[in-house]
C-alpha cells in the first residue's frame, strides 16, 4: 500500500469545524429516535400552538432546569 503525502490527522468528535449544520429533517429524525428509544420528547416551544400547553411545558422546564438565558435563538 502506498501513501501519497503525509498521514491524515486523527478524527475526533471534538473537532467542530468539519461537520455541516444539522438540517431540520435530521433534527426531526433524531427527536423521533430519542422518543422511541429512550422515551424522551424534544419539543420546540414555538412548535406548540396551544398557549396553555406551551406555558405548562415552559413552566416544567423552568422548574427542572432554571430560567432560560436571554439572547437564545430558539424558543421564547
PDB file of N, CA and C in Angstrom:
ATOM      1  N   UNK A   1       0.834  -1.172   0.000  1.00  0.00           N
ATOM      2  CA  UNK A   1       0.000   0.000   0.000  1.00  0.00           C
ATOM      3  C   UNK A   1       0.883   1.240   0.000  1.00  0.00           C
ATOM      4  N   UNK A   2       0.586   2.170  -0.857  1.00  0.00           N
ATOM      5  CA  UNK A   2       1.410   3.351  -0.989  1.00  0.00           C
ATOM      6  C   UNK A   2       0.610   4.590  -0.599  1.00  0.00           C
ATOM      7  N   UNK A   3       1.180   5.439   0.218  1.00  0.00           N
ATOM      8  CA  UNK A   3       0.530   6.670   0.648  1.00  0.00           C
ATOM      9  C   UNK A   3       1.139   7.862  -0.078  1.00  0.00           C
ATOM     10  N   UNK A   4       0.299   8.761  -0.492  1.00  0.00           N
ATOM     11  CA  UNK A   4       0.778   9.985  -1.119  1.00  0.00           C
ATOM     12  C   UNK A   4       0.647  11.116  -0.111  1.00  0.00           C
ATOM     13  N   UNK A   5       1.735  11.715   0.254  1.00  0.00           N
ATOM     14  CA  UNK A   5       1.705  12.823   1.198  1.00  0.00           C
ATOM     15  C   UNK A   5       1.715  12.346   2.644  1.00  0.00           C
ATOM     16  N   UNK A   6       1.624  13.297   3.573  1.00  0.00           N
ATOM     17  CA  UNK A   6       1.678  12.952   4.991  1.00  0.00           C
ATOM     18  C   UNK A   6       0.391  12.251   5.435  1.00  0.00           C
ATOM     19  N   UNK A   7       0.435  11.548   6.552  1.00  0.00           N
ATOM     20  CA  UNK A   7      -0.772  10.882   7.037  1.00  0.00           C
ATOM     21  C   UNK A   7      -1.835  11.905   7.445  1.00  0.00           C
ATOM     22  N   UNK A   8      -3.077  11.494   7.374  1.00  0.00           N
ATOM     23  CA  UNK A   8      -4.181  12.365   7.764  1.00  0.00           C
ATOM     24  C   UNK A   8      -4.219  12.513   9.281  1.00  0.00           C
ATOM     25  N   UNK A   9      -4.688  13.659   9.732  1.00  0.00           N
ATOM     26  CA  UNK A   9      -4.857  13.871  11.175  1.00  0.00           C
ATOM     27  C   UNK A   9      -5.958  12.959  11.689  1.00  0.00           C
ATOM     28  N   UNK A  10      -5.847  12.523  12.952  1.00  0.00           N
ATOM     29  CA  UNK A  10      -6.914  11.679  13.502  1.00  0.00           C
ATOM     30  C   UNK A  10      -8.215  12.463  13.597  1.00  0.00           C
ATOM     31  N   UNK A  11      -9.339  11.775  13.396  1.00  0.00           N
ATOM     32  CA  UNK A  11     -10.646  12.411  13.500  1.00  0.00           C
ATOM     33  C   UNK A  11     -11.120  12.335  14.945  1.00  0.00           C
ATOM     34  N   UNK A  12     -11.833  13.357  15.352  1.00  0.00           N
ATOM     35  CA  UNK A  12     -12.311  13.429  16.719  1.00  0.00           C
ATOM     36  C   UNK A  12     -13.687  14.070  16.748  1.00  0.00           C
ATOM     37  N   UNK A  13     -14.526  13.642  17.691  1.00  0.00           N
ATOM     38  CA  UNK A  13     -15.832  14.268  17.858  1.00  0.00           C
ATOM     39  C   UNK A  13     -15.701  15.686  18.398  1.00  0.00           C
ATOM     40  N   UNK A  14     -14.524  16.038  18.886  1.00  0.00           N
ATOM     41  CA  UNK A  14     -14.296  17.377  19.412  1.00  0.00           C
ATOM     42  C   UNK A  14     -13.971  18.381  18.318  1.00  0.00           C
ATOM     43  N   UNK A  15     -13.705  17.894  17.122  1.00  0.00           N
ATOM     44  CA  UNK A  15     -13.389  18.765  16.003  1.00  0.00           C
ATOM     45  C   UNK A  15     -14.691  19.313  15.434  1.00  0.00           C
ATOM     46  N   UNK A  16     -15.054  20.520  15.822  1.00  0.00           N
ATOM     47  CA  UNK A  16     -16.352  21.085  15.466  1.00  0.00           C
ATOM     48  C   UNK A  16     -16.367  21.758  14.092  1.00  0.00           C
ATOM     49  N   UNK A  17     -15.224  21.931  13.471  1.00  0.00           N
ATOM     50  CA  UNK A  17     -15.188  22.656  12.223  1.00  0.00           C
ATOM     51  C   UNK A  17     -15.446  21.823  10.987  1.00  0.00           C
ATOM     52  N   UNK A  18     -15.620  20.516  11.114  1.00  0.00           N
ATOM     53  CA  UNK A  18     -15.716  19.668   9.937  1.00  0.00           C
ATOM     54  C   UNK A  18     -17.123  19.191   9.630  1.00  0.00           C
ATOM     55  N   UNK A  19     -18.064  19.345  10.541  1.00  0.00           N
ATOM     56  CA  UNK A  19     -19.417  18.835  10.313  1.00  0.00           C
ATOM     57  C   UNK A  19     -20.333  19.978   9.903  1.00  0.00           C
ATOM     58  N   UNK A  20     -21.162  19.714   8.914  1.00  0.00           N
ATOM     59  CA  UNK A  20     -22.109  20.734   8.484  1.00  0.00           C
ATOM     60  C   UNK A  20     -23.235  20.870   9.512  1.00  0.00           C
ATOM     61  N   UNK A  21     -23.956  21.967   9.434  1.00  0.00           N
ATOM     62  CA  UNK A  21     -25.064  22.204  10.356  1.00  0.00           C
ATOM     63  C   UNK A  21     -26.132  21.134  10.170  1.00  0.00           C
ATOM     64  N   UNK A  22     -26.813  20.807  11.260  1.00  0.00           N
ATOM     65  CA  UNK A  22     -27.864  19.806  11.219  1.00  0.00           C
ATOM     66  C   UNK A  22     -29.083  20.379  10.502  1.00  0.00           C
ATOM     67  N   UNK A  23     -29.626  19.624   9.582  1.00  0.00           N
ATOM     68  CA  UNK A  23     -30.802  20.040   8.829  1.00  0.00           C
ATOM     69  C   UNK A  23     -32.071  19.763   9.640  1.00  0.00           C
ATOM     70  N   UNK A  24     -33.156  20.445   9.297  1.00  0.00           N
ATOM     71  CA  UNK A  24     -34.422  20.254  10.004  1.00  0.00           C
ATOM     72  C   UNK A  24     -34.875  18.801   9.958  1.00  0.00           C
ATOM     73  N   UNK A  25     -34.745  18.169   8.809  1.00  0.00           N
ATOM     74  CA  UNK A  25     -35.150  16.770   8.685  1.00  0.00           C
ATOM     75  C   UNK A  25     -34.334  15.851   9.571  1.00  0.00           C
ATOM     76  N   UNK A  26     -33.033  16.121   9.659  1.00  0.00           N
ATOM     77  CA  UNK A  26     -32.160  15.313  10.509  1.00  0.00           C
ATOM     78  C   UNK A  26     -32.505  15.515  11.984  1.00  0.00           C
ATOM     79  N   UNK A  27     -32.803  16.766  12.358  1.00  0.00           N
ATOM     80  CA  UNK A  27     -33.211  17.037  13.748  1.00  0.00           C
ATOM     81  C   UNK A  27     -34.500  16.279  14.085  1.00  0.00           C
ATOM     82  N   UNK A  28     -35.435  16.274  13.162  1.00  0.00           N
ATOM     83  CA  UNK A  28     -36.704  15.589  13.391  1.00  0.00           C
ATOM     84  C   UNK A  28     -36.493  14.083  13.548  1.00  0.00           C
ATOM     85  N   UNK A  29     -35.591  13.505  12.755  1.00  0.00           N
ATOM     86  CA  UNK A  29     -35.282  12.076  12.891  1.00  0.00           C
ATOM     87  C   UNK A  29     -34.615  11.781  14.233  1.00  0.00           C
ATOM     88  N   UNK A  30     -33.736  12.680  14.692  1.00  0.00           N
ATOM     89  CA  UNK A  30     -33.094  12.482  15.997  1.00  0.00           C
ATOM     90  C   UNK A  30     -34.114  12.582  17.130  1.00  0.00           C
ATOM     91  N   UNK A  31     -35.058  13.524  17.011  1.00  0.00           N
ATOM     92  CA  UNK A  31     -36.120  13.645  18.020  1.00  0.00           C
ATOM     93  C   UNK A  31     -36.966  12.376  18.071  1.00  0.00           C
ATOM     94  N   UNK A  32     -37.322  11.858  16.893  1.00  0.00           N
ATOM     95  CA  UNK A  32     -38.125  10.632  16.836  1.00  0.00           C
ATOM     96  C   UNK A  32     -37.365   9.464  17.451  1.00  0.00           C
ATOM     97  N   UNK A  33     -36.084   9.356  17.158  1.00  0.00           N
ATOM     98  CA  UNK A  33     -35.281   8.265  17.718  1.00  0.00           C
ATOM     99  C   UNK A  33     -35.183   8.384  19.232  1.00  0.00           C
ATOM    100  N   UNK A  34     -35.016   9.596  19.742  1.00  0.00           N
ATOM    101  CA  UNK A  34     -34.945   9.794  21.197  1.00  0.00           C
ATOM    102  C   UNK A  34     -36.259   9.377  21.857  1.00  0.00           C
ATOM    103  N   UNK A  35     -37.365   9.683  21.210  1.00  0.00           N
ATOM    104  CA  UNK A  35     -38.672   9.309  21.757  1.00  0.00           C
ATOM    105  C   UNK A  35     -38.841   7.791  21.763  1.00  0.00           C
ATOM    106  N   UNK A  36     -38.546   7.154  20.631  1.00  0.00           N
ATOM    107  CA  UNK A  36     -38.758   5.707  20.517  1.00  0.00           C
ATOM    108  C   UNK A  36     -37.778   4.894  21.354  1.00  0.00           C
ATOM    109  N   UNK A  37     -36.548   5.310  21.418  1.00  0.00           N
ATOM    110  CA  UNK A  37     -35.524   4.534  22.138  1.00  0.00           C
ATOM    111  C   UNK A  37     -35.484   4.824  23.629  1.00  0.00           C
ATOM    112  N   UNK A  38     -35.698   6.091  24.007  1.00  0.00           N
ATOM    113  CA  UNK A  38     -35.457   6.483  25.392  1.00  0.00           C
ATOM    114  C   UNK A  38     -36.675   7.085  26.087  1.00  0.00           C
ATOM    115  N   UNK A  39     -37.761   7.304  25.354  1.00  0.00           N
ATOM    116  CA  UNK A  39     -38.932   7.936  25.947  1.00  0.00           C
ATOM    117  C   UNK A  39     -38.720   9.410  26.240  1.00  0.00           C
ATOM    118  N   UNK A  40     -37.809  10.040  25.510  1.00  0.00           N
ATOM    119  CA  UNK A  40     -37.503  11.458  25.705  1.00  0.00           C
ATOM    120  C   UNK A  40     -38.132  12.248  24.562  1.00  0.00           C
ATOM    121  N   UNK A  41     -38.920  13.258  24.898  1.00  0.00           N
ATOM    122  CA  UNK A  41     -39.552  14.106  23.889  1.00  0.00           C
ATOM    123  C   UNK A  41     -38.824  15.443  23.838  1.00  0.00           C
ATOM    124  N   UNK A  42     -38.289  15.783  22.678  1.00  0.00           N
ATOM    125  CA  UNK A  42     -37.607  17.062  22.482  1.00  0.00           C
ATOM    126  C   UNK A  42     -38.517  17.933  21.629  1.00  0.00           C
ATOM    127  N   UNK A  43     -39.108  18.939  22.253  1.00  0.00           N
ATOM    128  CA  UNK A  43     -40.069  19.794  21.573  1.00  0.00           C
ATOM    129  C   UNK A  43     -39.591  21.236  21.574  1.00  0.00           C
ATOM    130  N   UNK A  44     -39.809  21.920  20.466  1.00  0.00           N
ATOM    131  CA  UNK A  44     -39.572  23.359  20.422  1.00  0.00           C
ATOM    132  C   UNK A  44     -40.848  24.031  20.897  1.00  0.00           C
ATOM    133  N   UNK A  45     -40.730  24.938  21.852  1.00  0.00           N
ATOM    134  CA  UNK A  45     -41.932  25.592  22.365  1.00  0.00           C
ATOM    135  C   UNK A  45     -42.618  26.414  21.279  1.00  0.00           C
ATOM    136  N   UNK A  46     -41.885  26.853  20.270  1.00  0.00           N
ATOM    137  CA  UNK A  46     -42.505  27.599  19.178  1.00  0.00           C
ATOM    138  C   UNK A  46     -43.403  26.720  18.314  1.00  0.00           C
ATOM    139  N   UNK A  47     -43.178  25.409  18.337  1.00  0.00           N
ATOM    140  CA  UNK A  47     -43.990  24.478  17.555  1.00  0.00           C
ATOM    141  C   UNK A  47     -45.297  24.115  18.250  1.00  0.00           C
ATOM    142  N   UNK A  48     -45.444  24.446  19.518  1.00  0.00           N
ATOM    143  CA  UNK A  48     -46.645  24.102  20.280  1.00  0.00           C
ATOM    144  C   UNK A  48     -47.636  25.253  20.127  1.00  0.00           C
ATOM    145  N   UNK A  49     -48.751  24.971  19.465  1.00  0.00           N
ATOM    146  CA  UNK A  49     -49.701  26.033  19.135  1.00  0.00           C
ATOM    147  C   UNK A  49     -50.691  26.330  20.258  1.00  0.00           C
ATOM    148  N   UNK A  50     -50.947  25.370  21.128  1.00  0.00           N
ATOM    149  CA  UNK A  50     -51.879  25.600  22.233  1.00  0.00           C
ATOM    150  C   UNK A  50     -51.173  26.420  23.315  1.00  0.00           C
ATOM    151  N   UNK A  51     -51.647  27.643  23.614  1.00  0.00           N
ATOM    152  CA  UNK A  51     -50.954  28.506  24.567  1.00  0.00           C
ATOM    153  C   UNK A  51     -50.875  27.917  25.976  1.00  0.00           C
ATOM    154  N   UNK A  52     -51.925  27.236  26.417  1.00  0.00           N
ATOM    155  CA  UNK A  52     -51.921  26.644  27.751  1.00  0.00           C
ATOM    156  C   UNK A  52     -50.874  25.542  27.851  1.00  0.00           C
ATOM    157  N   UNK A  53     -50.857  24.649  26.861  1.00  0.00           N
ATOM    158  CA  UNK A  53     -49.890  23.551  26.847  1.00  0.00           C
ATOM    159  C   UNK A  53     -48.466  24.078  26.739  1.00  0.00           C
ATOM    160  N   UNK A  54     -48.244  25.076  25.857  1.00  0.00           N
ATOM    161  CA  UNK A  54     -46.915  25.673  25.705  1.00  0.00           C
ATOM    162  C   UNK A  54     -46.423  26.239  27.031  1.00  0.00           C
ATOM    163  N   UNK A  55     -47.287  26.969  27.741  1.00  0.00           N
ATOM    164  CA  UNK A  55     -46.883  27.557  29.013  1.00  0.00           C
ATOM    165  C   UNK A  55     -46.616  26.490  30.059  1.00  0.00           C
ATOM    166  N   UNK A  56     -47.421  25.413  30.049  1.00  0.00           N
ATOM    167  CA  UNK A  56     -47.194  24.310  31.003  1.00  0.00           C
ATOM    168  C   UNK A  56     -45.822  23.672  30.777  1.00  0.00           C
ATOM    169  N   UNK A  57     -45.436  23.497  29.530  1.00  0.00           N
ATOM    170  CA  UNK A  57     -44.130  22.899  29.221  1.00  0.00           C
ATOM    171  C   UNK A  57     -43.007  23.855  29.613  1.00  0.00           C
ATOM    172  N   UNK A  58     -43.174  25.148  29.331  1.00  0.00           N
ATOM    173  CA  UNK A  58     -42.175  26.136  29.737  1.00  0.00           C
ATOM    174  C   UNK A  58     -42.029  26.148  31.251  1.00  0.00           C
ATOM    175  N   UNK A  59     -43.160  26.099  31.965  1.00  0.00           N
ATOM    176  CA  UNK A  59     -43.116  26.106  33.436  1.00  0.00           C
ATOM    177  C   UNK A  59     -42.371  24.886  33.977  1.00  0.00           C
ATOM    178  N   UNK A  60     -42.635  23.716  33.406  1.00  0.00           N
ATOM    179  CA  UNK A  60     -41.971  22.495  33.883  1.00  0.00           C
ATOM    180  C   UNK A  60     -40.474  22.528  33.585  1.00  0.00           C
ATOM    181  N   UNK A  61     -40.106  22.977  32.403  1.00  0.00           N
ATOM    182  CA  UNK A  61     -38.679  23.064  32.062  1.00  0.00           C
ATOM    183  C   UNK A  61     -37.975  24.068  32.969  1.00  0.00           C
ATOM    184  N   UNK A  62     -38.629  25.190  33.256  1.00  0.00           N
ATOM    185  CA  UNK A  62     -38.043  26.195  34.152  1.00  0.00           C
ATOM    186  C   UNK A  62     -37.898  25.641  35.563  1.00  0.00           C
ATOM    187  N   UNK A  63     -38.888  24.896  36.009  1.00  0.00           N
ATOM    188  CA  UNK A  63     -38.818  24.290  37.343  1.00  0.00           C
ATOM    189  C   UNK A  63     -37.642  23.315  37.439  1.00  0.00           C
ATOM    190  N   UNK A  64     -37.457  22.516  36.395  1.00  0.00           N
ATOM    191  CA  UNK A  64     -36.395  21.500  36.429  1.00  0.00           C
ATOM    192  C   UNK A  64     -35.004  22.072  36.215  1.00  0.00           C
ATOM    193  N   UNK A  65     -34.860  22.978  35.239  1.00  0.00           N
ATOM    194  CA  UNK A  65     -33.524  23.391  34.812  1.00  0.00           C
ATOM    195  C   UNK A  65     -33.241  24.871  34.972  1.00  0.00           C
ATOM    196  N   UNK A  66     -34.200  25.636  35.469  1.00  0.00           N
ATOM    197  CA  UNK A  66     -33.994  27.069  35.659  1.00  0.00           C
ATOM    198  C   UNK A  66     -34.422  27.870  34.448  1.00  0.00           C
ATOM    199  N   UNK A  67     -34.485  29.176  34.639  1.00  0.00           N
ATOM    200  CA  UNK A  67     -34.919  30.078  33.571  1.00  0.00           C
ATOM    201  C   UNK A  67     -33.907  30.093  32.437  1.00  0.00           C
ATOM    202  N   UNK A  68     -34.402  30.291  31.227  1.00  0.00           N
ATOM    203  CA  UNK A  68     -33.523  30.382  30.058  1.00  0.00           C
ATOM    204  C   UNK A  68     -32.779  31.698  30.077  1.00  0.00           C
ATOM    205  N   UNK A  69     -31.612  31.690  29.509  1.00  0.00           N
ATOM    206  CA  UNK A  69     -30.808  32.908  29.403  1.00  0.00           C
ATOM    207  C   UNK A  69     -31.313  33.716  28.207  1.00  0.00           C
ATOM    208  N   UNK A  70     -31.347  35.015  28.305  1.00  0.00           N
ATOM    209  CA  UNK A  70     -31.789  35.879  27.196  1.00  0.00           C
ATOM    210  C   UNK A  70     -30.819  35.786  26.043  1.00  0.00           C
ATOM    211  N   UNK A  71     -31.328  35.999  24.836  1.00  0.00           N
ATOM    212  CA  UNK A  71     -30.463  36.012  23.666  1.00  0.00           C
ATOM    213  C   UNK A  71     -30.398  34.706  22.926  1.00  0.00           C
ATOM    214  N   UNK A  72     -31.129  33.672  23.367  1.00  0.00           N
ATOM    215  CA  UNK A  72     -31.133  32.410  22.659  1.00  0.00           C
ATOM    216  C   UNK A  72     -31.845  32.541  21.325  1.00  0.00           C
ATOM    217  N   UNK A  73     -31.520  31.698  20.378  1.00  0.00           N
ATOM    218  CA  UNK A  73     -32.134  31.794  19.063  1.00  0.00           C
ATOM    219  C   UNK A  73     -33.340  30.883  18.918  1.00  0.00           C
ATOM    220  N   UNK A  74     -33.625  30.047  19.918  1.00  0.00           N
ATOM    221  CA  UNK A  74     -34.755  29.126  19.849  1.00  0.00           C
ATOM    222  C   UNK A  74     -35.699  29.418  21.011  1.00  0.00           C
ATOM    223  N   UNK A  75     -36.965  29.096  20.809  1.00  0.00           N
ATOM    224  CA  UNK A  75     -37.933  29.249  21.891  1.00  0.00           C
ATOM    225  C   UNK A  75     -38.310  30.692  22.090  1.00  0.00           C
ATOM    226  N   UNK A  76     -38.836  30.964  23.275  1.00  0.00           N
ATOM    227  CA  UNK A  76     -39.283  32.326  23.577  1.00  0.00           C
ATOM    228  C   UNK A  76     -38.449  32.950  24.643  1.00  0.00           C
TER     229      UNK A  76
END
